[in-house]
Amino acid sequence: MQPITVSITTFGIEYDHSFVASSIPASLQEQLDEVESAMGAADDFPNAFAGLVLGKRTTMPPRDLVATQAELDFKRLTELVNEPSAKPVLVVKLSSGWLSPAFAYNYYILDGHHRVASARLRGVDVEAVVVG
């Protein structure tokens, strides 16, 4: 049976179809690799990043994040709405090219698109580890 997918834009989350991982500077990519490794090994997500200096743990509104994945698996999304995950999403902060401080950066979701859409549906912010 073919999985049912839904567009991430359905949930009011911006999608950047032109984003490519190669646009991440090499220095940030090294930090991302370290953070991803720490996240993958962590069993206790709320306390997993206590000693981690490369990623900033914060709470963010889903509307401030930019998706790098267009489609979501509807079944997985439904599961996360009913039983939210404590795992933070992984976000990279890159310059937007705008001069205005209010729009100086874009926050791209690298891991956790389903968790962000679930949070948006539940009307809550997401826990995020921001690199950059």
N, C-alpha and C. Protein backbone atom coordinates (compact mmCIF):
# COMPACT_ATOMS: atom_id res chain seq x y z
N MET A 1 0.84 -1.18 0.00
CA MET A 1 0.00 0.00 0.00
C MET A 1 0.88 1.25 0.00
N GLN A 2 0.58 2.16 -0.86
CA GLN A 2 1.34 3.40 -1.00
C GLN A 2 1.04 4.33 0.18
N PRO A 3 2.09 4.90 0.83
CA PRO A 3 1.84 5.83 1.93
C PRO A 3 1.16 7.11 1.44
N ILE A 4 0.33 7.68 2.29
CA ILE A 4 -0.35 8.93 1.98
C ILE A 4 0.55 10.07 2.44
N THR A 5 0.81 11.01 1.54
CA THR A 5 1.66 12.15 1.89
C THR A 5 0.84 13.43 1.81
N VAL A 6 1.33 14.43 2.52
CA VAL A 6 0.69 15.73 2.53
C VAL A 6 1.79 16.79 2.43
N SER A 7 1.50 17.88 1.75
CA SER A 7 2.48 18.96 1.59
C SER A 7 2.69 19.69 2.90
N ILE A 8 3.93 20.01 3.23
CA ILE A 8 4.23 20.73 4.47
C ILE A 8 3.65 22.14 4.45
N THR A 9 3.44 22.71 3.28
CA THR A 9 2.88 24.06 3.19
C THR A 9 1.42 24.10 3.65
N THR A 10 0.76 22.94 3.69
CA THR A 10 -0.61 22.85 4.19
C THR A 10 -0.72 23.37 5.61
N PHE A 11 0.38 23.29 6.35
CA PHE A 11 0.38 23.66 7.77
C PHE A 11 0.93 25.06 8.01
N GLY A 12 1.03 25.85 6.95
CA GLY A 12 1.50 27.22 7.09
C GLY A 12 2.99 27.32 7.34
N ILE A 13 3.73 26.31 6.90
CA ILE A 13 5.18 26.29 7.06
C ILE A 13 5.79 26.55 5.69
N GLU A 14 6.64 27.55 5.62
CA GLU A 14 7.29 27.90 4.35
C GLU A 14 8.21 26.76 3.89
N TYR A 15 8.21 26.51 2.60
CA TYR A 15 9.08 25.49 2.01
C TYR A 15 10.02 26.16 1.01
N ASP A 16 11.31 25.88 1.12
CA ASP A 16 12.30 26.43 0.19
C ASP A 16 12.76 25.32 -0.73
N HIS A 17 12.21 25.29 -1.94
CA HIS A 17 12.55 24.24 -2.91
C HIS A 17 13.97 24.39 -3.44
N SER A 18 14.58 25.55 -3.25
CA SER A 18 15.93 25.77 -3.79
C SER A 18 17.04 25.48 -2.79
N PHE A 19 16.67 25.17 -1.53
CA PHE A 19 17.70 24.89 -0.52
C PHE A 19 18.45 23.61 -0.86
N VAL A 20 19.77 23.67 -0.80
CA VAL A 20 20.59 22.48 -0.98
C VAL A 20 21.61 22.43 0.14
N ALA A 21 21.85 21.23 0.65
CA ALA A 21 22.77 21.07 1.78
C ALA A 21 24.16 21.62 1.47
N SER A 22 24.54 21.61 0.20
CA SER A 22 25.87 22.11 -0.15
C SER A 22 26.01 23.62 0.05
N SER A 23 24.87 24.32 0.29
CA SER A 23 24.94 25.75 0.55
C SER A 23 25.35 26.05 2.00
N ILE A 24 25.45 25.02 2.82
CA ILE A 24 25.88 25.20 4.21
C ILE A 24 27.41 25.29 4.22
N PRO A 25 27.96 26.36 4.80
CA PRO A 25 29.42 26.49 4.86
C PRO A 25 30.07 25.29 5.56
N ALA A 26 31.28 24.94 5.12
CA ALA A 26 31.98 23.77 5.66
C ALA A 26 32.15 23.85 7.18
N SER A 27 32.43 25.03 7.71
CA SER A 27 32.61 25.17 9.15
C SER A 27 31.32 24.83 9.91
N LEU A 28 30.19 25.23 9.35
CA LEU A 28 28.90 24.89 9.97
C LEU A 28 28.58 23.42 9.79
N GLN A 29 28.97 22.85 8.66
CA GLN A 29 28.69 21.43 8.40
C GLN A 29 29.37 20.55 9.44
N GLU A 30 30.59 20.90 9.83
CA GLU A 30 31.29 20.15 10.87
C GLU A 30 30.53 20.22 12.19
N GLN A 31 30.02 21.40 12.53
CA GLN A 31 29.25 21.55 13.76
C GLN A 31 27.95 20.74 13.68
N LEU A 32 27.31 20.79 12.52
CA LEU A 32 26.07 20.03 12.33
C LEU A 32 26.30 18.54 12.49
N ASP A 33 27.40 18.04 11.93
CA ASP A 33 27.72 16.62 12.06
C ASP A 33 27.87 16.22 13.51
N GLU A 34 28.53 17.08 14.29
CA GLU A 34 28.73 16.79 15.71
C GLU A 34 27.41 16.80 16.47
N VAL A 35 26.56 17.78 16.17
CA VAL A 35 25.27 17.87 16.83
C VAL A 35 24.39 16.68 16.45
N GLU A 36 24.36 16.34 15.16
CA GLU A 36 23.57 15.19 14.71
C GLU A 36 24.02 13.91 15.40
N SER A 37 25.30 13.75 15.56
CA SER A 37 25.84 12.58 16.23
C SER A 37 25.38 12.54 17.69
N ALA A 38 25.44 13.69 18.35
CA ALA A 38 25.00 13.77 19.75
C ALA A 38 23.50 13.48 19.87
N MET A 39 22.72 14.00 18.92
CA MET A 39 21.28 13.78 18.95
C MET A 39 20.95 12.31 18.70
N GLY A 40 21.67 11.68 17.80
CA GLY A 40 21.42 10.28 17.47
C GLY A 40 21.76 9.35 18.61
N ALA A 41 22.74 9.72 19.42
CA ALA A 41 23.18 8.87 20.53
C ALA A 41 22.41 9.14 21.82
N ALA A 42 21.65 10.22 21.86
CA ALA A 42 20.98 10.62 23.11
C ALA A 42 19.71 9.82 23.35
N ASP A 43 19.60 9.28 24.56
CA ASP A 43 18.36 8.62 24.97
C ASP A 43 17.50 9.57 25.80
N ASP A 44 18.15 10.49 26.50
CA ASP A 44 17.47 11.43 27.38
C ASP A 44 17.52 12.81 26.72
N PHE A 45 16.60 13.07 25.79
CA PHE A 45 16.66 14.30 25.01
C PHE A 45 16.60 15.58 25.83
N PRO A 46 15.77 15.66 26.88
CA PRO A 46 15.74 16.93 27.61
C PRO A 46 17.10 17.31 28.22
N ASN A 47 17.94 16.33 28.53
CA ASN A 47 19.23 16.64 29.17
C ASN A 47 20.43 16.31 28.29
N ALA A 48 20.20 15.94 27.06
CA ALA A 48 21.26 15.43 26.20
C ALA A 48 22.30 16.47 25.81
N PHE A 49 21.93 17.73 25.81
CA PHE A 49 22.82 18.74 25.26
C PHE A 49 23.43 19.64 26.32
N ALA A 50 23.41 19.20 27.56
CA ALA A 50 23.91 20.02 28.66
C ALA A 50 25.35 20.48 28.42
N GLY A 51 26.21 19.61 27.90
CA GLY A 51 27.61 19.97 27.70
C GLY A 51 27.94 20.38 26.27
N LEU A 52 26.96 20.44 25.40
CA LEU A 52 27.19 20.73 24.00
C LEU A 52 27.25 22.24 23.76
N VAL A 53 28.32 22.71 23.19
CA VAL A 53 28.48 24.15 22.97
C VAL A 53 28.20 24.56 21.52
N LEU A 54 28.22 23.64 20.60
CA LEU A 54 28.10 23.99 19.19
C LEU A 54 26.67 24.28 18.75
N GLY A 55 25.70 23.72 19.43
CA GLY A 55 24.31 23.95 19.08
C GLY A 55 23.59 24.65 20.21
N LYS A 56 22.82 25.66 19.88
CA LYS A 56 22.07 26.41 20.89
C LYS A 56 20.68 25.80 21.02
N ARG A 57 20.33 25.36 22.20
CA ARG A 57 19.01 24.78 22.44
C ARG A 57 18.05 25.93 22.76
N THR A 58 16.93 25.96 22.06
CA THR A 58 15.97 27.05 22.24
C THR A 58 14.57 26.57 21.87
N THR A 59 13.59 27.40 22.12
CA THR A 59 12.21 27.13 21.73
C THR A 59 11.87 28.10 20.60
N MET A 60 11.25 27.58 19.54
CA MET A 60 10.93 28.41 18.38
C MET A 60 9.51 28.17 17.90
N PRO A 61 8.84 29.23 17.41
CA PRO A 61 7.53 29.02 16.79
C PRO A 61 7.70 28.34 15.43
N PRO A 62 6.89 27.35 15.13
CA PRO A 62 7.00 26.65 13.83
C PRO A 62 6.93 27.59 12.63
N ARG A 63 6.19 28.68 12.74
CA ARG A 63 6.05 29.61 11.60
C ARG A 63 7.36 30.31 11.24
N ASP A 64 8.34 30.30 12.17
CA ASP A 64 9.63 30.95 11.91
C ASP A 64 10.63 30.03 11.21
N LEU A 65 10.25 28.78 11.00
CA LEU A 65 11.16 27.80 10.41
C LEU A 65 10.84 27.59 8.94
N VAL A 66 11.88 27.27 8.18
CA VAL A 66 11.72 27.03 6.74
C VAL A 66 11.99 25.54 6.48
N ALA A 67 11.05 24.89 5.84
CA ALA A 67 11.17 23.46 5.56
C ALA A 67 12.10 23.21 4.38
N THR A 68 12.83 22.11 4.43
CA THR A 68 13.67 21.68 3.32
C THR A 68 13.15 20.35 2.76
N GLN A 69 12.01 19.92 3.26
CA GLN A 69 11.35 18.69 2.81
C GLN A 69 9.92 19.06 2.44
N ALA A 70 9.49 18.70 1.23
CA ALA A 70 8.19 19.14 0.74
C ALA A 70 7.02 18.31 1.24
N GLU A 71 7.22 17.01 1.36
CA GLU A 71 6.12 16.10 1.69
C GLU A 71 6.31 15.44 3.04
N LEU A 72 5.19 15.18 3.71
CA LEU A 72 5.21 14.49 4.99
C LEU A 72 4.35 13.25 4.90
N ASP A 73 4.75 12.21 5.63
CA ASP A 73 3.96 10.99 5.72
C ASP A 73 2.80 11.26 6.67
N PHE A 74 1.57 11.12 6.17
CA PHE A 74 0.38 11.47 6.95
C PHE A 74 0.25 10.60 8.20
N LYS A 75 0.56 9.32 8.09
CA LYS A 75 0.46 8.40 9.25
C LYS A 75 1.42 8.83 10.35
N ARG A 76 2.67 9.14 10.00
CA ARG A 76 3.66 9.57 10.99
C ARG A 76 3.25 10.89 11.63
N LEU A 77 2.73 11.80 10.84
CA LEU A 77 2.27 13.08 11.36
C LEU A 77 1.14 12.88 12.37
N THR A 78 0.19 12.02 12.04
CA THR A 78 -0.92 11.72 12.94
C THR A 78 -0.41 11.14 14.26
N GLU A 79 0.57 10.25 14.18
CA GLU A 79 1.16 9.67 15.39
C GLU A 79 1.75 10.76 16.28
N LEU A 80 2.46 11.71 15.68
CA LEU A 80 3.12 12.77 16.46
C LEU A 80 2.13 13.79 17.02
N VAL A 81 1.00 13.97 16.37
CA VAL A 81 -0.02 14.86 16.92
C VAL A 81 -0.60 14.22 18.18
N ASN A 82 -0.83 12.91 18.13
CA ASN A 82 -1.40 12.20 19.27
C ASN A 82 -0.40 11.93 20.38
N GLU A 83 0.86 11.69 20.02
CA GLU A 83 1.92 11.43 21.00
C GLU A 83 3.17 12.21 20.60
N PRO A 84 3.23 13.49 21.00
CA PRO A 84 4.37 14.35 20.61
C PRO A 84 5.71 13.79 21.09
N SER A 85 6.74 14.03 20.32
CA SER A 85 8.10 13.60 20.63
C SER A 85 8.83 14.69 21.42
N ALA A 86 9.66 14.26 22.38
CA ALA A 86 10.46 15.21 23.15
C ALA A 86 11.76 15.56 22.44
N LYS A 87 12.06 14.85 21.36
CA LYS A 87 13.31 15.09 20.63
C LYS A 87 13.26 16.46 19.95
N PRO A 88 14.29 17.28 20.14
CA PRO A 88 14.30 18.60 19.48
C PRO A 88 14.54 18.46 17.98
N VAL A 89 14.13 19.48 17.24
CA VAL A 89 14.40 19.51 15.81
C VAL A 89 15.79 20.11 15.60
N LEU A 90 16.42 19.76 14.49
CA LEU A 90 17.74 20.30 14.16
C LEU A 90 17.56 21.39 13.11
N VAL A 91 18.09 22.59 13.40
CA VAL A 91 17.90 23.76 12.55
C VAL A 91 19.27 24.39 12.27
N VAL A 92 19.44 24.84 11.04
CA VAL A 92 20.65 25.60 10.71
C VAL A 92 20.24 27.04 10.42
N LYS A 93 20.99 27.97 11.01
CA LYS A 93 20.73 29.41 10.86
C LYS A 93 21.67 29.95 9.79
N LEU A 94 21.09 30.44 8.68
CA LEU A 94 21.87 30.99 7.58
C LEU A 94 21.41 32.40 7.26
N SER A 95 22.33 33.21 6.80
CA SER A 95 22.01 34.58 6.43
C SER A 95 20.98 34.59 5.30
N SER A 96 20.01 35.49 5.42
CA SER A 96 18.97 35.59 4.39
C SER A 96 19.37 36.54 3.27
N GLY A 97 20.39 37.38 3.54
CA GLY A 97 20.79 38.37 2.55
C GLY A 97 20.09 39.70 2.74
N TRP A 98 19.12 39.76 3.64
CA TRP A 98 18.41 41.01 3.93
C TRP A 98 19.24 41.84 4.89
N LEU A 99 19.19 43.13 4.77
CA LEU A 99 19.92 44.03 5.65
C LEU A 99 19.17 44.30 6.96
N SER A 100 17.86 44.20 6.94
CA SER A 100 17.06 44.45 8.13
C SER A 100 17.33 43.38 9.18
N PRO A 101 17.65 43.77 10.43
CA PRO A 101 17.90 42.79 11.49
C PRO A 101 16.73 41.83 11.72
N ALA A 102 15.51 42.30 11.47
CA ALA A 102 14.34 41.46 11.68
C ALA A 102 14.28 40.30 10.69
N PHE A 103 14.92 40.44 9.54
CA PHE A 103 14.88 39.40 8.51
C PHE A 103 16.28 38.93 8.11
N ALA A 104 17.25 39.10 8.98
CA ALA A 104 18.65 38.83 8.64
C ALA A 104 18.97 37.35 8.47
N TYR A 105 18.17 36.47 9.08
CA TYR A 105 18.48 35.03 9.03
C TYR A 105 17.25 34.21 8.67
N ASN A 106 17.51 33.07 8.04
CA ASN A 106 16.50 32.04 7.83
C ASN A 106 16.90 30.84 8.68
N TYR A 107 15.92 30.16 9.21
CA TYR A 107 16.15 28.98 10.05
C TYR A 107 15.59 27.77 9.31
N TYR A 108 16.50 26.96 8.75
CA TYR A 108 16.13 25.82 7.93
C TYR A 108 16.06 24.54 8.77
N ILE A 109 14.97 23.81 8.62
CA ILE A 109 14.80 22.54 9.32
C ILE A 109 15.63 21.48 8.59
N LEU A 110 16.55 20.84 9.31
CA LEU A 110 17.33 19.75 8.72
C LEU A 110 16.81 18.39 9.17
N ASP A 111 16.29 18.34 10.38
CA ASP A 111 15.72 17.10 10.91
C ASP A 111 14.55 17.47 11.81
N GLY A 112 13.39 16.87 11.55
CA GLY A 112 12.24 17.11 12.41
C GLY A 112 11.05 17.75 11.74
N HIS A 113 10.92 17.60 10.44
CA HIS A 113 9.80 18.22 9.72
C HIS A 113 8.44 17.76 10.26
N HIS A 114 8.31 16.47 10.55
CA HIS A 114 7.04 15.96 11.10
C HIS A 114 6.77 16.56 12.48
N ARG A 115 7.81 16.71 13.30
CA ARG A 115 7.64 17.28 14.64
C ARG A 115 7.22 18.75 14.56
N VAL A 116 7.76 19.49 13.58
CA VAL A 116 7.40 20.90 13.40
C VAL A 116 5.94 21.02 12.95
N ALA A 117 5.53 20.22 11.99
CA ALA A 117 4.13 20.26 11.52
C ALA A 117 3.18 19.86 12.64
N SER A 118 3.56 18.86 13.42
CA SER A 118 2.74 18.43 14.56
C SER A 118 2.59 19.57 15.57
N ALA A 119 3.68 20.25 15.87
CA ALA A 119 3.63 21.38 16.81
C ALA A 119 2.72 22.48 16.26
N ARG A 120 2.83 22.73 14.98
CA ARG A 120 1.99 23.77 14.34
C ARG A 120 0.51 23.41 14.49
N LEU A 121 0.18 22.14 14.27
CA LEU A 121 -1.22 21.70 14.41
C LEU A 121 -1.71 21.80 15.85
N ARG A 122 -0.81 21.57 16.81
CA ARG A 122 -1.19 21.63 18.22
C ARG A 122 -1.10 23.04 18.79
N GLY A 123 -0.55 23.98 18.00
CA GLY A 123 -0.46 25.37 18.44
C GLY A 123 0.60 25.61 19.50
N VAL A 124 1.70 24.85 19.43
CA VAL A 124 2.78 25.01 20.41
C VAL A 124 4.09 25.27 19.69
N ASP A 125 5.06 25.79 20.44
CA ASP A 125 6.41 25.98 19.90
C ASP A 125 7.15 24.65 19.91
N VAL A 126 8.28 24.60 19.18
CA VAL A 126 9.10 23.39 19.14
C VAL A 126 10.42 23.64 19.85
N GLU A 127 10.94 22.58 20.45
CA GLU A 127 12.30 22.62 20.98
C GLU A 127 13.22 22.43 19.79
N ALA A 128 14.25 23.26 19.70
CA ALA A 128 15.15 23.19 18.56
C ALA A 128 16.60 23.33 19.01
N VAL A 129 17.48 22.64 18.30
CA VAL A 129 18.91 22.86 18.44
C VAL A 129 19.31 23.62 17.19
N VAL A 130 19.79 24.85 17.40
CA VAL A 130 20.12 25.74 16.29
C VAL A 130 21.63 25.81 16.15
N VAL A 131 22.12 25.54 14.95
CA VAL A 131 23.54 25.63 14.64
C VAL A 131 23.73 26.77 13.66
N GLY A 132 24.68 27.64 13.97
CA GLY A 132 24.97 28.74 13.07
C GLY A 132 24.87 30.07 13.74
